[in-house]
C-alpha atoms as a PDB file:
ATOM      1  CA  MET A   1       0.000   0.000   0.000  1.00  0.00           C
ATOM      2  CA  THR A   2       1.288   3.451  -0.914  1.00  0.00           C
ATOM      3  CA  LEU A   3       0.581   5.996   1.797  1.00  0.00           C
ATOM      4  CA  PRO A   4      -0.300   9.616   1.025  1.00  0.00           C
ATOM      5  CA  THR A   5       2.615  11.976   1.610  1.00  0.00           C
ATOM      6  CA  ARG A   6       1.164  13.261   4.893  1.00  0.00           C
ATOM      7  CA  PHE A   7       1.047   9.730   6.269  1.00  0.00           C
ATOM      8  CA  ARG A   8       4.590   8.749   5.432  1.00  0.00           C
ATOM      9  CA  GLU A   9       5.650   9.649   8.950  1.00  0.00           C
ATOM     10  CA  LEU A  10       4.010   6.320   9.803  1.00  0.00           C
ATOM     11  CA  VAL A  11       6.363   4.290   7.607  1.00  0.00           C
ATOM     12  CA  GLY A  12       7.622   1.378   9.695  1.00  0.00           C
ATOM     13  CA  VAL A  13       4.694   1.540  12.128  1.00  0.00           C
ATOM     14  CA  PRO A  14       2.522  -1.605  12.163  1.00  0.00           C
ATOM     15  CA  LEU A  15      -0.924  -0.809  10.794  1.00  0.00           C
ATOM     16  CA  ARG A  16      -4.231  -2.595  10.978  1.00  0.00           C
ATOM     17  CA  VAL A  17      -6.124  -2.094   7.725  1.00  0.00           C
ATOM     18  CA  ARG A  18      -9.913  -2.225   7.753  1.00  0.00           C
ATOM     19  CA  LEU A  19     -12.195  -1.994   4.745  1.00  0.00           C
ATOM     20  CA  ARG A  20     -15.597  -0.354   5.140  1.00  0.00           C
ATOM     21  CA  ASP A  21     -18.045  -1.268   2.418  1.00  0.00           C
ATOM     22  CA  GLY A  22     -21.077   0.782   1.431  1.00  0.00           C
ATOM     23  CA  LEU A  23     -22.044   3.618  -0.851  1.00  0.00           C
ATOM     24  CA  ARG A  24     -18.714   5.280  -0.053  1.00  0.00           C
ATOM     25  CA  PRO A  25     -16.178   2.505   0.625  1.00  0.00           C
ATOM     26  CA  GLU A  26     -13.353   3.498   2.974  1.00  0.00           C
ATOM     27  CA  ILE A  27      -9.960   2.161   3.925  1.00  0.00           C
ATOM     28  CA  VAL A  28      -9.322   2.719   7.647  1.00  0.00           C
ATOM     29  CA  LEU A  29      -5.744   2.646   8.938  1.00  0.00           C
ATOM     30  CA  GLN A  30      -5.261   1.944  12.647  1.00  0.00           C
ATOM     31  CA  PRO A  31      -1.614   2.512  13.635  1.00  0.00           C
ATOM     32  CA  GLU A  32      -0.130   0.453  16.454  1.00  0.00           C
ATOM     33  CA  MET A  33       0.973   3.042  19.007  1.00  0.00           C
ATOM     34  CA  GLN A  34       2.407   0.893  21.799  1.00  0.00           C
ATOM     35  CA  ALA A  35       5.978   2.024  21.093  1.00  0.00           C
ATOM     36  CA  ALA A  36       4.876   5.670  21.020  1.00  0.00           C
ATOM     37  CA  HIS A  37       3.017   5.309  24.314  1.00  0.00           C
ATOM     38  CA  ALA A  38       6.039   3.640  25.904  1.00  0.00           C
ATOM     39  CA  ALA A  39       8.229   6.527  24.718  1.00  0.00           C
ATOM     40  CA  LEU A  40       5.865   9.039  26.345  1.00  0.00           C
ATOM     41  CA  GLU A  41       5.931   7.124  29.622  1.00  0.00           C
ATOM     42  CA  ARG A  42       9.721   7.009  29.525  1.00  0.00           C
ATOM     43  CA  LEU A  43      10.062  10.706  28.703  1.00  0.00           C
ATOM     44  CA  TRP A  44       7.557  11.619  31.435  1.00  0.00           C
ATOM     45  CA  THR A  45       9.619   9.753  34.032  1.00  0.00           C
ATOM     46  CA  ALA A  46      12.920  11.214  32.831  1.00  0.00           C
ATOM     47  CA  LEU A  47      11.558  14.766  32.863  1.00  0.00           C
ATOM     48  CA  ALA A  48       9.867  14.373  36.235  1.00  0.00           C
ATOM     49  CA  GLN A  49      13.035  13.064  37.847  1.00  0.00           C
ATOM     50  CA  ALA A  50      15.192  15.749  36.215  1.00  0.00           C
ATOM     51  CA  THR A  51      12.912  18.443  37.663  1.00  0.00           C
ATOM     52  CA  GLY A  52      13.223  16.980  41.150  1.00  0.00           C
ATOM     53  CA  LEU A  53      10.201  14.710  41.560  1.00  0.00           C
ATOM     54  CA  VAL A  54      11.678  11.711  43.365  1.00  0.00           C
ATOM     55  CA  ALA A  55       8.551   9.567  42.996  1.00  0.00           C
ATOM     56  CA  PRO A  56       6.782  10.906  39.900  1.00  0.00           C
ATOM     57  CA  PRO A  57       3.163   9.918  39.314  1.00  0.00           C
ATOM     58  CA  ALA A  58       2.355   7.511  36.503  1.00  0.00           C
ATOM     59  CA  PHE A  59       2.021   9.053  33.060  1.00  0.00           C
ATOM     60  CA  PRO A  60      -1.522  10.523  33.014  1.00  0.00           C
ATOM     61  CA  ALA A  61      -2.500   9.909  29.386  1.00  0.00           C
ATOM     62  CA  ALA A  62      -6.072  11.074  30.032  1.00  0.00           C
ATOM     63  CA  ASP A  63      -4.742  14.550  30.898  1.00  0.00           C
ATOM     64  CA  PHE A  64      -3.578  15.232  27.331  1.00  0.00           C
ATOM     65  CA  VAL A  65      -5.214  15.934  23.981  1.00  0.00           C
ATOM     66  CA  PHE A  66      -3.899  13.566  21.300  1.00  0.00           C
ATOM     67  CA  ALA A  67      -3.774  14.011  17.538  1.00  0.00           C
ATOM     68  CA  LEU A  68      -2.086  11.874  14.921  1.00  0.00           C
ATOM     69  CA  PHE A  69       0.154  14.636  13.580  1.00  0.00           C
ATOM     70  CA  ALA A  70       1.649  17.909  14.807  1.00  0.00           C
ATOM     71  CA  PRO A  71       0.738  20.610  15.446  1.00  0.00           C
ATOM     72  CA  CYS A  72      -1.679  19.466  18.115  1.00  0.00           C
ATOM     73  CA  GLU A  73      -3.567  22.214  19.909  1.00  0.00           C
ATOM     74  CA  ASP A  74      -3.990  22.324  23.671  1.00  0.00           C
ATOM     75  CA  ALA A  75      -7.480  22.013  25.123  1.00  0.00           C
ATOM     76  CA  SER A  76      -9.137  25.411  24.890  1.00  0.00           C
ATOM     77  CA  GLU A  77     -10.931  25.099  28.227  1.00  0.00           C
ATOM     78  CA  ALA A  78     -10.018  24.086  31.768  1.00  0.00           C
ATOM     79  CA  PRO A  79      -8.781  21.743  33.072  1.00  0.00           C
ATOM     80  CA  LEU A  80      -5.332  22.060  31.546  1.00  0.00           C
ATOM     81  CA  ARG A  81      -4.791  19.433  28.829  1.00  0.00           C
ATOM     82  CA  PRO A  82      -1.705  19.928  26.647  1.00  0.00           C
ATOM     83  CA  GLY A  83      -1.662  18.628  23.083  1.00  0.00           C
ATOM     84  CA  ILE A  84       0.549  15.733  21.969  1.00  0.00           C
ATOM     85  CA  ALA A  85       1.027  14.332  18.458  1.00  0.00           C
ATOM     86  CA  TRP A  86       1.370  10.573  18.189  1.00  0.00           C
ATOM     87  CA  SER A  87       3.762  11.049  15.279  1.00  0.00           C
ATOM     88  CA  ASP A  88       6.121  12.965  17.595  1.00  0.00           C
ATOM     89  CA  ALA A  89       6.036  10.194  20.187  1.00  0.00           C
ATOM     90  CA  GLN A  90       6.599   7.603  17.473  1.00  0.00           C
ATOM     91  CA  ALA A  91       9.628   9.529  16.208  1.00  0.00           C
ATOM     92  CA  LEU A  92      11.076   9.596  19.715  1.00  0.00           C
ATOM     93  CA  ALA A  93      10.576   5.833  19.977  1.00  0.00           C
ATOM     94  CA  GLY A  94      13.019   5.390  17.098  1.00  0.00           C
ATOM     95  CA  ALA A  95      16.786   5.408  17.185  1.00  0.00           C
ATOM     96  CA  ALA A  96      18.875   8.561  17.645  1.00  0.00           C
ATOM     97  CA  PRO A  97      19.441  11.152  16.370  1.00  0.00           C
ATOM     98  CA  HIS A  98      16.128  12.609  17.485  1.00  0.00           C
ATOM     99  CA  SER A  99      14.662  15.840  16.170  1.00  0.00           C
ATOM    100  CA  PRO A 100      15.088  18.748  18.615  1.00  0.00           C
ATOM    101  CA  VAL A 101      11.774  20.182  17.376  1.00  0.00           C
ATOM    102  CA  VAL A 102       9.930  16.940  18.126  1.00  0.00           C
ATOM    103  CA  LEU A 103      11.564  16.635  21.543  1.00  0.00           C
ATOM    104  CA  ALA A 104      10.731  20.271  22.329  1.00  0.00           C
ATOM    105  CA  ARG A 105       7.047  19.814  21.519  1.00  0.00           C
ATOM    106  CA  LEU A 106       6.817  16.771  23.756  1.00  0.00           C
ATOM    107  CA  LEU A 107       8.758  18.353  26.630  1.00  0.00           C
ATOM    108  CA  ARG A 108       6.537  21.434  26.497  1.00  0.00           C
ATOM    109  CA  ALA A 109       3.403  19.315  26.824  1.00  0.00           C
ATOM    110  CA  LEU A 110       4.741  17.042  29.558  1.00  0.00           C
ATOM    111  CA  GLY A 111       6.341  19.944  31.421  1.00  0.00           C
ATOM    112  CA  ALA A 112       3.050  21.845  31.466  1.00  0.00           C
ATOM    113  CA  ARG A 113       1.336  18.865  33.091  1.00  0.00           C
ATOM    114  CA  LEU A 114       4.151  18.535  35.647  1.00  0.00           C
ATOM    115  CA  ALA A 115       3.740  22.160  36.739  1.00  0.00           C
ATOM    116  CA  ALA A 116       1.103  21.392  39.382  1.00  0.00           C
ATOM    117  CA  PRO A 117       2.998  18.599  41.192  1.00  0.00           C
ATOM    118  CA  LEU A 118       6.079  20.834  41.167  1.00  0.00           C
ATOM    119  CA  GLY A 119       4.233  23.722  42.833  1.00  0.00           C
ATOM    120  CA  VAL A 120       3.958  25.958  39.758  1.00  0.00           C
ATOM    121  CA  ALA A 121       0.706  27.873  39.214  1.00  0.00           C
ATOM    122  CA  SER A 122      -1.559  26.602  36.438  1.00  0.00           C
ATOM    123  CA  ALA A 123      -1.488  30.047  34.798  1.00  0.00           C
ATOM    124  CA  GLN A 124       2.246  29.541  34.255  1.00  0.00           C
ATOM    125  CA  ALA A 125       2.053  25.871  33.241  1.00  0.00           C
ATOM    126  CA  TYR A 126       2.491  26.241  29.488  1.00  0.00           C
ATOM    127  CA  GLY A 127       5.240  28.807  29.895  1.00  0.00           C
ATOM    128  CA  PHE A 128       6.965  26.472  32.347  1.00  0.00           C
ATOM    129  CA  GLY A 129       6.786  23.595  29.882  1.00  0.00           C
ATOM    130  CA  ALA A 130       8.069  25.845  27.096  1.00  0.00           C
ATOM    131  CA  ALA A 131      10.982  26.985  29.262  1.00  0.00           C
ATOM    132  CA  LEU A 132      12.011  23.396  30.009  1.00  0.00           C
ATOM    133  CA  ALA A 133      11.760  22.509  26.323  1.00  0.00           C
ATOM    134  CA  PHE A 134      13.874  25.531  25.379  1.00  0.00           C
ATOM    135  CA  ALA A 135      16.520  24.695  27.965  1.00  0.00           C
ATOM    136  CA  ALA A 136      16.790  21.146  26.640  1.00  0.00           C
ATOM    137  CA  THR A 137      16.685  21.790  22.895  1.00  0.00           C
ATOM    138  CA  GLY A 138      17.088  25.500  22.188  1.00  0.00           C
ATOM    139  CA  GLN A 139      13.741  25.387  20.359  1.00  0.00           C
ATOM    140  CA  VAL A 140      10.814  27.766  20.892  1.00  0.00           C
ATOM    141  CA  THR A 141       7.729  25.752  19.975  1.00  0.00           C
ATOM    142  CA  ARG A 142       5.232  28.640  20.031  1.00  0.00           C
ATOM    143  CA  ALA A 143       5.910  32.302  19.363  1.00  0.00           C
ATOM    144  CA  THR A 144       3.571  33.314  22.192  1.00  0.00           C
ATOM    145  CA  GLU A 145       5.975  31.656  24.653  1.00  0.00           C
ATOM    146  CA  GLN A 146       9.138  33.404  23.469  1.00  0.00           C
ATOM    147  CA  GLN A 147       9.138  35.484  26.647  1.00  0.00           C
ATOM    148  CA  GLU A 148       9.320  32.486  28.977  1.00  0.00           C
ATOM    149  CA  CYS A 149      12.036  30.926  26.841  1.00  0.00           C
ATOM    150  CA  ASP A 150      14.176  34.068  26.856  1.00  0.00           C
ATOM    151  CA  ILE A 151      13.885  34.398  30.624  1.00  0.00           C
ATOM    152  CA  ALA A 152      14.783  30.715  31.001  1.00  0.00           C
ATOM    153  CA  GLY A 153      17.811  31.250  28.793  1.00  0.00           C
ATOM    154  CA  ALA A 154      18.947  34.058  31.079  1.00  0.00           C
ATOM    155  CA  VAL A 155      18.960  31.843  34.185  1.00  0.00           C
ATOM    156  CA  LEU A 156      20.649  28.814  32.608  1.00  0.00           C
ATOM    157  CA  GLY A 157      24.263  28.059  33.270  1.00  0.00           C
ATOM    158  CA  ALA A 158      24.834  26.803  29.710  1.00  0.00           C
ATOM    159  CA  ALA A 159      23.580  27.553  26.221  1.00  0.00           C
ATOM    160  CA  PRO A 160      20.088  26.139  25.573  1.00  0.00           C
ATOM    161  CA  GLY A 161      20.280  22.906  23.605  1.00  0.00           C
ATOM    162  CA  LEU A 162      24.027  22.445  24.169  1.00  0.00           C
ATOM    163  CA  ALA A 163      23.661  19.269  26.232  1.00  0.00           C
ATOM    164  CA  PHE A 164      21.346  17.750  23.614  1.00  0.00           C
ATOM    165  CA  ASN A 165      23.869  18.440  20.867  1.00  0.00           C
ATOM    166  CA  GLU A 166      26.722  17.049  22.948  1.00  0.00           C
ATOM    167  CA  ALA A 167      24.666  13.901  23.573  1.00  0.00           C
ATOM    168  CA  GLY A 168      24.482  13.289  19.828  1.00  0.00           C
ATOM    169  CA  GLU A 169      20.820  14.351  19.752  1.00  0.00           C
ATOM    170  CA  ASP A 170      19.953  11.209  21.682  1.00  0.00           C
ATOM    171  CA  ALA A 171      16.929  11.970  23.847  1.00  0.00           C
ATOM    172  CA  TRP A 172      17.614   8.910  25.999  1.00  0.00           C
ATOM    173  CA  ALA A 173      21.296   9.502  26.768  1.00  0.00           C
ATOM    174  CA  PRO A 174      21.773   9.394  30.572  1.00  0.00           C
ATOM    175  CA  ALA A 175      24.415  12.127  30.280  1.00  0.00           C
ATOM    176  CA  LEU A 176      21.821  14.429  28.712  1.00  0.00           C
ATOM    177  CA  TRP A 177      19.448  14.222  31.662  1.00  0.00           C
ATOM    178  CA  ALA A 178      22.260  14.600  34.177  1.00  0.00           C
ATOM    179  CA  ALA A 179      23.366  17.763  32.368  1.00  0.00           C
ATOM    180  CA  LEU A 180      19.823  19.159  32.154  1.00  0.00           C
ATOM    181  CA  ALA A 181      18.916  18.678  35.822  1.00  0.00           C
ATOM    182  CA  PRO A 182      20.700  21.777  37.263  1.00  0.00           C
ATOM    183  CA  GLY A 183      19.141  24.103  34.676  1.00  0.00           C
ATOM    184  CA  PHE A 184      15.733  22.516  35.167  1.00  0.00           C
ATOM    185  CA  ALA A 185      16.100  23.111  38.906  1.00  0.00           C
ATOM    186  CA  ARG A 186      16.763  26.820  38.333  1.00  0.00           C
ATOM    187  CA  ILE A 187      13.794  27.129  35.972  1.00  0.00           C
ATOM    188  CA  THR A 188      11.539  25.332  38.455  1.00  0.00           C
ATOM    189  CA  ASP A 189      12.716  27.542  41.308  1.00  0.00           C
ATOM    190  CA  ILE A 190      12.026  30.777  39.434  1.00  0.00           C
ATOM    191  CA  HIS A 191       8.539  29.614  38.452  1.00  0.00           C
ATOM    192  CA  ARG A 192       7.830  28.704  42.068  1.00  0.00           C
ATOM    193  CA  GLN A 193       8.960  32.189  43.081  1.00  0.00           C
ATOM    194  CA  TRP A 194       6.618  33.679  40.493  1.00  0.00           C
ATOM    195  CA  THR A 195       3.807  31.531  41.876  1.00  0.00           C
ATOM    196  CA  ALA A 196       4.483  32.814  45.392  1.00  0.00           C
ATOM    197  CA  GLU A 197       5.071  36.425  44.276  1.00  0.00           C
ATOM    198  CA  PRO A 198       3.030  37.387  41.194  1.00  0.00           C
ATOM    199  CA  ALA A 199       4.522  40.891  41.376  1.00  0.00           C
ATOM    200  CA  LEU A 200       7.959  39.379  40.742  1.00  0.00           C
ATOM    201  CA  LEU A 201       6.612  37.717  37.606  1.00  0.00           C
ATOM    202  CA  ALA A 202       5.201  41.046  36.420  1.00  0.00           C
ATOM    203  CA  ARG A 203       8.585  42.721  36.957  1.00  0.00           C
ATOM    204  CA  SER A 204      10.400  39.934  35.099  1.00  0.00           C
ATOM    205  CA  ARG A 205       8.053  40.283  32.140  1.00  0.00           C
ATOM    206  CA  ALA A 206       8.418  44.063  32.142  1.00  0.00           C
ATOM    207  CA  ALA A 207      12.203  43.714  32.132  1.00  0.00           C
ATOM    208  CA  TRP A 208      11.956  41.291  29.198  1.00  0.00           C
ATOM    209  CA  ARG A 209       9.795  43.751  27.244  1.00  0.00           C
ATOM    210  CA  ARG A 210      12.270  46.560  27.900  1.00  0.00           C
ATOM    211  CA  GLY A 211      15.095  44.344  26.683  1.00  0.00           C
ATOM    212  CA  VAL A 212      13.259  43.503  23.479  1.00  0.00           C
ATOM    213  CA  THR A 213      12.482  47.179  22.876  1.00  0.00           C
ATOM    214  CA  LEU A 214      16.150  48.099  23.300  1.00  0.00           C
ATOM    215  CA  GLU A 215      17.220  45.284  20.982  1.00  0.00           C
ATOM    216  CA  LEU A 216      14.751  46.271  18.279  1.00  0.00           C
ATOM    217  CA  GLY A 217      15.801  49.894  18.659  1.00  0.00           C
ATOM    218  CA  GLY A 218      19.440  48.999  18.095  1.00  0.00           C
ATOM    219  CA  ALA A 219      20.560  50.159  21.533  1.00  0.00           C
END
């Protein structure tokens, strides 16, 4: 069977093919997503431990919105449910090198869900996830979260994405997660401070806006 171009990300994934007869016959493809789900569970545990959760909760699949392909939008209403693309998880289940963009999208979603157990306010959850993703990969997944990523970059002890590059773009390299943990701790601490002191968050955002204005003005 030749897959349409959009579906070629599923090459190598076992598929169940069903034929639906009727006035408008259909071919239904049901991908086997066990490897993708296992990759999400593994990434959830690695991220939780790197952010300081000694006994992380089990991966809460029901707390996410799933789509087959990226981009996958977050739930538009409460409660918080970040979007995850199965194709991203499937890509991470494969051998290294892994795409930094794919890893960033997944870390943003998982990080947002980990905000609550880490003591970060729900209003900051997506920015928190974006900051963790930026620290790990150097990628900004959504333009609306550039601010959080820039602030995260300012508190890191190393260039965003450096550890991932040095690990050969292997998302599962133990050395990667050991290198990310100190930066993740700093990002978590600053978001906890913002949760405790909203005025501090407002000042940080104002300082970021001033910096952008100066940069755009050539100062």
